[in-house]
Amino acid sequence: MRAQANNFFKPLPAAMPGSEKDTPAKIALGEKLYFETALSINGTQSCNTCHRIDGKLGGDDGNPVSPGAIEGKFGDRNSPTSWNAGFHLAQFWDGRAADLKEQAKGPILNPVEMAIPDEATAVSNLKKAGYEADFKAVFGSADALTYDNVAEAIAAFERTLITKDRFDDFLKGDNKALTQAELQGMQDFISTGCIACHTGPLLGGHMYQKMGLVKPYPNTADKGRFAVTNNPADMYVFKVPALRDIGSTAPYFHDGKAATLDVAVKEMAMYQLGRELDEKTTKSIVAFLRAMDNQRELKLTANK
């Protein structure tokens, strides 16, 4: 079974791309900024507000779509997890940001999210909060507190957010890492056809796919990558979600319409594969996915 699994899945790498130049000081600054509410228009929100990693949480906020810093405004997509994000082929559901650094720049200036009006205001807020010495120490110059370096520091911290789970233990040779129910779930996952999209170290995150490939998805308001590329072939196409620690990130899909993991598995089989899963197979696959629950204890310092 391990040989079969390794045909489709791989253990998570020990480090993310780009992390070779990250220093402990840059990572610590990035962690501090990840929790910094001065990066929102009214001082109420930080990166962690929508992508919660405190309290052993799964890197999101548990809402279908997230509330913004300005009361009454909500985002239009489900907040993706920040765990393992740097392993993805691109960032955001539509892939409009190439990497973590580019992604970090977006929400701060988004008028519906953190709502800072411009880069200069973000930098000014951090100067008022006393960050100039921190940036000088990390980046080596008196004028190092720039918006670009803000994003670079946040990305450095996010490059440390790598999950740890029993499925990797199994892939690496531990015969006792998974239960018989989880092993059966893995076989059901493979035989059902989920591996058409969910393969590799993340079991996803490496490709784009149409939402509603076989049976049309009912929510047609969000056009997916089409809004980025203006290519008709990208209509309703989104980045395939990664499945590591998926049990901690309900609700599911780009619009947060699937409330539970059981519902998400059944509906994905229907919309993407044209298959009606019975309850036994659904629960079997969910058991396998739960074997990827994150067991890593994250030691945070910036929010203490």
Protein backbone atom coordinates (compact mmCIF):
# COMPACT_ATOMS: atom_id res chain seq x y z
CA MET A 1 0.00 0.00 0.00
CA ARG A 2 2.89 2.36 0.69
CA ALA A 3 4.31 1.74 -2.77
CA GLN A 4 0.90 2.53 -4.24
CA ALA A 5 0.63 5.69 -2.13
CA ASN A 6 4.05 6.92 -3.19
CA ASN A 7 2.96 6.73 -6.82
CA PHE A 8 0.55 9.59 -6.11
CA PHE A 9 1.67 11.33 -2.92
CA LYS A 10 4.95 12.54 -1.43
CA PRO A 11 5.99 13.72 2.02
CA LEU A 12 6.04 17.46 2.56
CA PRO A 13 9.48 19.01 1.99
CA ALA A 14 11.33 20.20 5.08
CA ALA A 15 11.55 23.79 3.79
CA MET A 16 9.65 26.09 1.43
CA PRO A 17 11.07 27.68 -1.72
CA GLY A 18 12.83 30.94 -0.87
CA SER A 19 13.44 30.08 2.77
CA GLU A 20 17.18 29.54 2.26
CA LYS A 21 17.75 33.29 2.67
CA ASP A 22 15.43 33.77 5.65
CA THR A 23 17.11 34.63 8.95
CA PRO A 24 15.71 34.12 12.45
CA ALA A 25 15.47 37.90 12.84
CA LYS A 26 13.52 38.31 9.61
CA ILE A 27 11.17 35.47 10.55
CA ALA A 28 10.58 36.99 14.01
CA LEU A 29 9.79 40.37 12.43
CA GLY A 30 7.43 38.68 10.00
CA GLU A 31 5.63 36.93 12.82
CA LYS A 32 5.19 40.25 14.63
CA LEU A 33 3.77 41.82 11.46
CA TYR A 34 1.46 38.85 10.89
CA PHE A 35 -0.30 39.84 14.14
CA GLU A 36 0.01 43.62 13.66
CA THR A 37 -3.37 45.40 13.62
CA ALA A 38 -1.75 48.71 12.60
CA LEU A 39 -1.85 47.29 9.08
CA SER A 40 -5.64 47.78 8.97
CA ILE A 41 -7.49 51.05 8.54
CA ASN A 42 -9.02 51.11 12.02
CA GLY A 43 -6.52 49.01 13.95
CA THR A 44 -8.85 46.03 14.30
CA GLN A 45 -7.42 43.43 11.92
CA SER A 46 -4.18 41.65 11.19
CA CYS A 47 -3.23 38.82 8.83
CA ASN A 48 -4.14 36.48 11.66
CA THR A 49 -7.71 37.76 11.78
CA CYS A 50 -8.63 35.87 8.60
CA HIS A 51 -5.75 33.36 8.60
CA ARG A 52 -5.66 32.24 12.23
CA ILE A 53 -2.71 30.19 13.36
CA ASP A 54 -3.02 30.92 17.08
CA GLY A 55 -4.67 28.40 19.36
CA LYS A 56 -3.79 25.44 17.10
CA LEU A 57 -6.13 26.76 14.41
CA GLY A 58 -5.99 25.79 10.77
CA GLY A 59 -4.82 29.01 9.14
CA ASP A 60 -8.29 30.39 8.37
CA ASP A 61 -11.13 31.99 10.34
CA GLY A 62 -13.90 29.41 9.98
CA ASN A 63 -16.23 31.77 8.09
CA PRO A 64 -17.70 31.15 4.63
CA VAL A 65 -16.29 34.56 3.66
CA SER A 66 -14.42 36.91 5.98
CA PRO A 67 -15.57 40.25 7.41
CA GLY A 68 -13.38 43.22 6.52
CA ALA A 69 -11.97 45.95 8.74
CA ILE A 70 -14.86 48.26 7.82
CA GLU A 71 -18.09 47.13 9.45
CA GLY A 72 -20.58 45.59 7.06
CA LYS A 73 -18.09 44.71 4.34
CA PHE A 74 -17.24 41.08 3.55
CA GLY A 75 -14.84 39.42 1.16
CA ASP A 76 -16.25 37.42 -1.73
CA ARG A 77 -14.18 34.24 -1.27
CA ASN A 78 -13.37 31.82 1.52
CA SER A 79 -10.06 32.61 3.24
CA PRO A 80 -7.44 30.00 2.26
CA THR A 81 -5.20 28.56 4.95
CA SER A 82 -1.76 30.07 5.42
CA TRP A 83 -0.33 26.67 6.44
CA ASN A 84 1.81 25.21 3.63
CA ALA A 85 0.80 28.12 1.38
CA GLY A 86 4.32 28.68 0.08
CA PHE A 87 4.33 25.24 -1.54
CA HIS A 88 1.42 26.17 -3.85
CA LEU A 89 1.99 26.98 -7.51
CA ALA A 90 0.53 30.47 -6.89
CA GLN A 91 -1.49 32.37 -4.27
CA PHE A 92 -5.20 33.22 -3.95
CA TRP A 93 -7.99 31.05 -5.34
CA ASP A 94 -7.44 32.54 -8.78
CA GLY A 95 -3.64 32.43 -8.69
CA ARG A 96 -3.23 36.16 -9.24
CA ALA A 97 -0.17 36.39 -6.94
CA ALA A 98 2.95 34.46 -7.87
CA ASP A 99 4.28 33.91 -4.35
CA LEU A 100 3.84 34.65 -0.65
CA LYS A 101 5.52 38.07 -0.88
CA GLU A 102 3.20 39.24 -3.62
CA GLN A 103 0.20 37.81 -1.79
CA ALA A 104 1.10 39.61 1.46
CA LYS A 105 0.81 42.98 -0.28
CA GLY A 106 -2.78 42.42 -1.40
CA PRO A 107 -5.10 42.24 1.64
CA ILE A 108 -3.56 45.25 3.40
CA LEU A 109 -4.54 47.58 0.54
CA ASN A 110 -7.76 45.79 -0.38
CA PRO A 111 -10.67 48.19 0.34
CA VAL A 112 -12.90 45.34 1.51
CA GLU A 113 -10.28 43.63 3.68
CA MET A 114 -7.76 45.65 5.73
CA ALA A 115 -8.58 48.82 3.77
CA ILE A 116 -5.31 50.77 4.12
CA PRO A 117 -5.55 53.40 1.34
CA ASP A 118 -1.97 53.15 0.03
CA GLU A 119 1.52 51.82 0.71
CA ALA A 120 2.69 55.09 2.25
CA THR A 121 -0.06 54.93 4.90
CA ALA A 122 0.86 51.36 5.79
CA VAL A 123 4.51 52.37 6.23
CA SER A 124 3.52 55.46 8.24
CA ASN A 125 1.38 53.36 10.57
CA LEU A 126 4.28 51.02 11.24
CA LYS A 127 6.63 53.93 11.91
CA LYS A 128 4.16 55.26 14.47
CA ALA A 129 4.05 51.77 16.01
CA GLY A 130 7.84 51.86 16.48
CA TYR A 131 9.01 49.42 13.79
CA GLU A 132 11.86 51.44 12.23
CA ALA A 133 14.57 49.96 14.46
CA ASP A 134 13.31 46.43 13.79
CA PHE A 135 13.51 46.90 10.02
CA LYS A 136 16.95 48.49 10.25
CA ALA A 137 18.21 45.55 12.28
CA VAL A 138 16.83 43.00 9.81
CA PHE A 139 17.44 44.70 6.46
CA GLY A 140 20.53 46.76 7.33
CA SER A 141 19.63 50.34 6.44
CA ALA A 142 17.98 53.30 8.14
CA ASP A 143 15.29 53.54 5.47
CA ALA A 144 14.51 49.80 5.43
CA LEU A 145 10.89 50.20 6.52
CA THR A 146 9.34 49.93 3.06
CA TYR A 147 6.17 48.24 1.91
CA ASP A 148 8.21 45.76 -0.09
CA ASN A 149 10.17 44.76 3.01
CA VAL A 150 6.95 44.48 5.02
CA ALA A 151 5.74 41.86 2.56
CA GLU A 152 9.15 40.15 2.50
CA ALA A 153 9.19 39.77 6.29
CA ILE A 154 5.63 38.44 6.44
CA ALA A 155 6.48 35.96 3.68
CA ALA A 156 9.57 34.81 5.60
CA PHE A 157 7.41 33.96 8.60
CA GLU A 158 4.79 32.25 6.46
CA ARG A 159 7.52 30.10 4.90
CA THR A 160 7.89 28.46 8.34
CA LEU A 161 4.23 27.36 8.44
CA ILE A 162 4.65 23.72 7.44
CA THR A 163 2.29 21.13 8.86
CA LYS A 164 3.25 17.77 10.36
CA ASP A 165 0.96 14.74 10.21
CA ARG A 166 0.68 10.97 10.48
CA PHE A 167 0.25 10.50 6.73
CA ASP A 168 3.82 11.65 6.18
CA ASP A 169 4.93 9.21 8.87
CA PHE A 170 3.25 6.45 6.87
CA LEU A 171 4.81 7.57 3.58
CA LYS A 172 8.23 7.56 5.24
CA GLY A 173 7.88 3.99 6.47
CA ASP A 174 5.94 3.89 9.74
CA ASN A 175 3.58 0.91 9.44
CA LYS A 176 1.65 1.93 12.54
CA ALA A 177 1.05 5.55 11.56
CA LEU A 178 -2.37 4.94 9.97
CA THR A 179 -5.30 2.85 11.17
CA GLN A 180 -6.94 0.22 8.96
CA ALA A 181 -9.88 2.57 8.46
CA GLU A 182 -7.54 5.32 7.26
CA LEU A 183 -5.71 2.95 4.93
CA GLN A 184 -9.04 1.85 3.48
CA GLY A 185 -9.94 5.51 3.10
CA MET A 186 -6.75 6.09 1.15
CA GLN A 187 -7.67 3.28 -1.22
CA ASP A 188 -11.18 4.69 -1.62
CA PHE A 189 -9.69 8.13 -2.26
CA ILE A 190 -7.55 6.68 -5.05
CA SER A 191 -10.18 4.41 -6.60
CA THR A 192 -12.89 7.10 -6.53
CA GLY A 193 -10.69 9.28 -8.72
CA CYS A 194 -9.83 12.07 -6.29
CA ILE A 195 -6.21 11.69 -7.44
CA ALA A 196 -7.13 13.30 -10.76
CA CYS A 197 -6.42 16.62 -8.99
CA HIS A 198 -5.27 15.86 -5.45
CA THR A 199 -1.76 14.43 -5.73
CA GLY A 200 1.79 15.39 -4.78
CA PRO A 201 3.07 16.53 -1.38
CA LEU A 202 0.07 18.80 -0.70
CA LEU A 203 -2.54 16.53 -2.31
CA GLY A 204 -3.46 19.57 -4.39
CA GLY A 205 -2.24 23.14 -4.72
CA HIS A 206 -0.27 22.40 -7.90
CA MET A 207 -2.85 22.96 -10.65
CA TYR A 208 -6.02 24.77 -11.68
CA GLN A 209 -9.33 23.08 -12.45
CA LYS A 210 -12.84 24.07 -13.40
CA MET A 211 -15.31 24.05 -10.52
CA GLY A 212 -18.11 21.91 -11.89
CA LEU A 213 -16.07 19.88 -14.37
CA VAL A 214 -18.71 17.19 -14.92
CA LYS A 215 -21.84 18.63 -13.30
CA PRO A 216 -22.20 22.45 -13.30
CA TYR A 217 -21.56 24.10 -9.96
CA PRO A 218 -24.67 26.12 -9.00
CA ASN A 219 -22.84 29.30 -7.95
CA THR A 220 -21.90 31.00 -11.22
CA ALA A 221 -21.38 34.52 -9.86
CA ASP A 222 -17.64 34.03 -9.32
CA LYS A 223 -15.88 33.54 -12.67
CA GLY A 224 -12.60 32.36 -11.10
CA ARG A 225 -9.39 32.84 -13.10
CA PHE A 226 -11.33 34.38 -15.95
CA ALA A 227 -11.32 37.64 -14.00
CA VAL A 228 -7.50 37.51 -14.01
CA THR A 229 -6.75 36.21 -17.51
CA ASN A 230 -9.87 37.20 -19.49
CA ASN A 231 -9.47 33.83 -21.20
CA PRO A 232 -12.81 32.03 -21.75
CA ALA A 233 -11.06 28.73 -21.00
CA ASP A 234 -10.54 29.98 -17.42
CA MET A 235 -14.24 30.54 -16.73
CA TYR A 236 -15.07 29.03 -13.29
CA VAL A 237 -11.48 27.74 -12.95
CA PHE A 238 -9.84 27.89 -9.53
CA LYS A 239 -6.68 26.63 -7.89
CA VAL A 240 -7.18 23.08 -6.62
CA PRO A 241 -7.15 23.18 -2.80
CA ALA A 242 -4.46 21.31 -0.90
CA LEU A 243 -5.75 18.67 1.49
CA ARG A 244 -3.15 18.80 4.25
CA ASP A 245 -4.95 19.60 7.53
CA ILE A 246 -8.19 19.97 5.55
CA GLY A 247 -10.23 18.88 8.55
CA SER A 248 -9.38 22.15 10.32
CA THR A 249 -10.48 24.55 7.60
CA ALA A 250 -14.26 24.23 7.29
CA PRO A 251 -16.31 25.55 5.57
CA TYR A 252 -15.08 24.54 2.12
CA PHE A 253 -14.86 25.62 -1.54
CA HIS A 254 -14.01 29.08 -2.86
CA ASP A 255 -17.41 30.34 -1.69
CA GLY A 256 -17.52 28.49 1.63
CA LYS A 257 -20.76 26.73 0.69
CA ALA A 258 -19.82 23.25 1.96
CA ALA A 259 -20.25 23.33 5.73
CA THR A 260 -18.56 20.04 6.60
CA LEU A 261 -15.86 17.76 5.24
CA ASP A 262 -18.40 15.02 4.56
CA VAL A 263 -20.47 17.40 2.44
CA ALA A 264 -17.36 18.64 0.60
CA VAL A 265 -16.25 15.10 -0.29
CA LYS A 266 -19.70 14.11 -1.57
CA GLU A 267 -20.15 17.29 -3.57
CA MET A 268 -16.67 17.20 -5.09
CA ALA A 269 -17.29 13.64 -6.25
CA MET A 270 -20.55 14.78 -7.84
CA TYR A 271 -19.40 18.05 -9.45
CA GLN A 272 -15.91 16.97 -10.51
CA LEU A 273 -16.24 13.25 -11.15
CA GLY A 274 -19.95 12.69 -11.75
CA ARG A 275 -20.08 10.12 -8.96
CA GLU A 276 -22.66 9.68 -6.22
CA LEU A 277 -20.81 8.47 -3.14
CA ASP A 278 -22.61 6.40 -0.52
CA GLU A 279 -22.20 7.25 3.15
CA LYS A 280 -19.74 4.44 3.78
CA THR A 281 -17.34 5.56 1.07
CA THR A 282 -17.71 9.20 2.05
CA LYS A 283 -16.87 8.50 5.68
CA SER A 284 -14.00 6.26 4.61
CA ILE A 285 -12.41 9.05 2.56
CA VAL A 286 -12.97 11.55 5.38
CA ALA A 287 -11.18 9.19 7.77
CA PHE A 288 -8.18 9.21 5.42
CA LEU A 289 -8.23 13.00 5.16
CA ARG A 290 -8.27 13.24 8.95
CA ALA A 291 -4.96 11.38 9.01
CA MET A 292 -3.50 14.64 7.68
CA ASP A 293 -4.62 16.70 10.70
CA ASN A 294 -1.76 18.98 11.71
CA GLN A 295 0.13 17.72 14.77
CA ARG A 296 2.71 20.48 14.86
CA GLU A 297 2.89 22.65 17.95
CA LEU A 298 3.51 26.20 16.74
CA LYS A 299 5.48 28.31 19.20
CA LEU A 300 4.42 31.90 18.69
CA THR A 301 6.11 34.88 20.31
CA ALA A 302 4.84 38.03 18.60
CA ASN A 303 1.33 37.86 20.05
CA LYS A 304 2.35 37.15 23.62
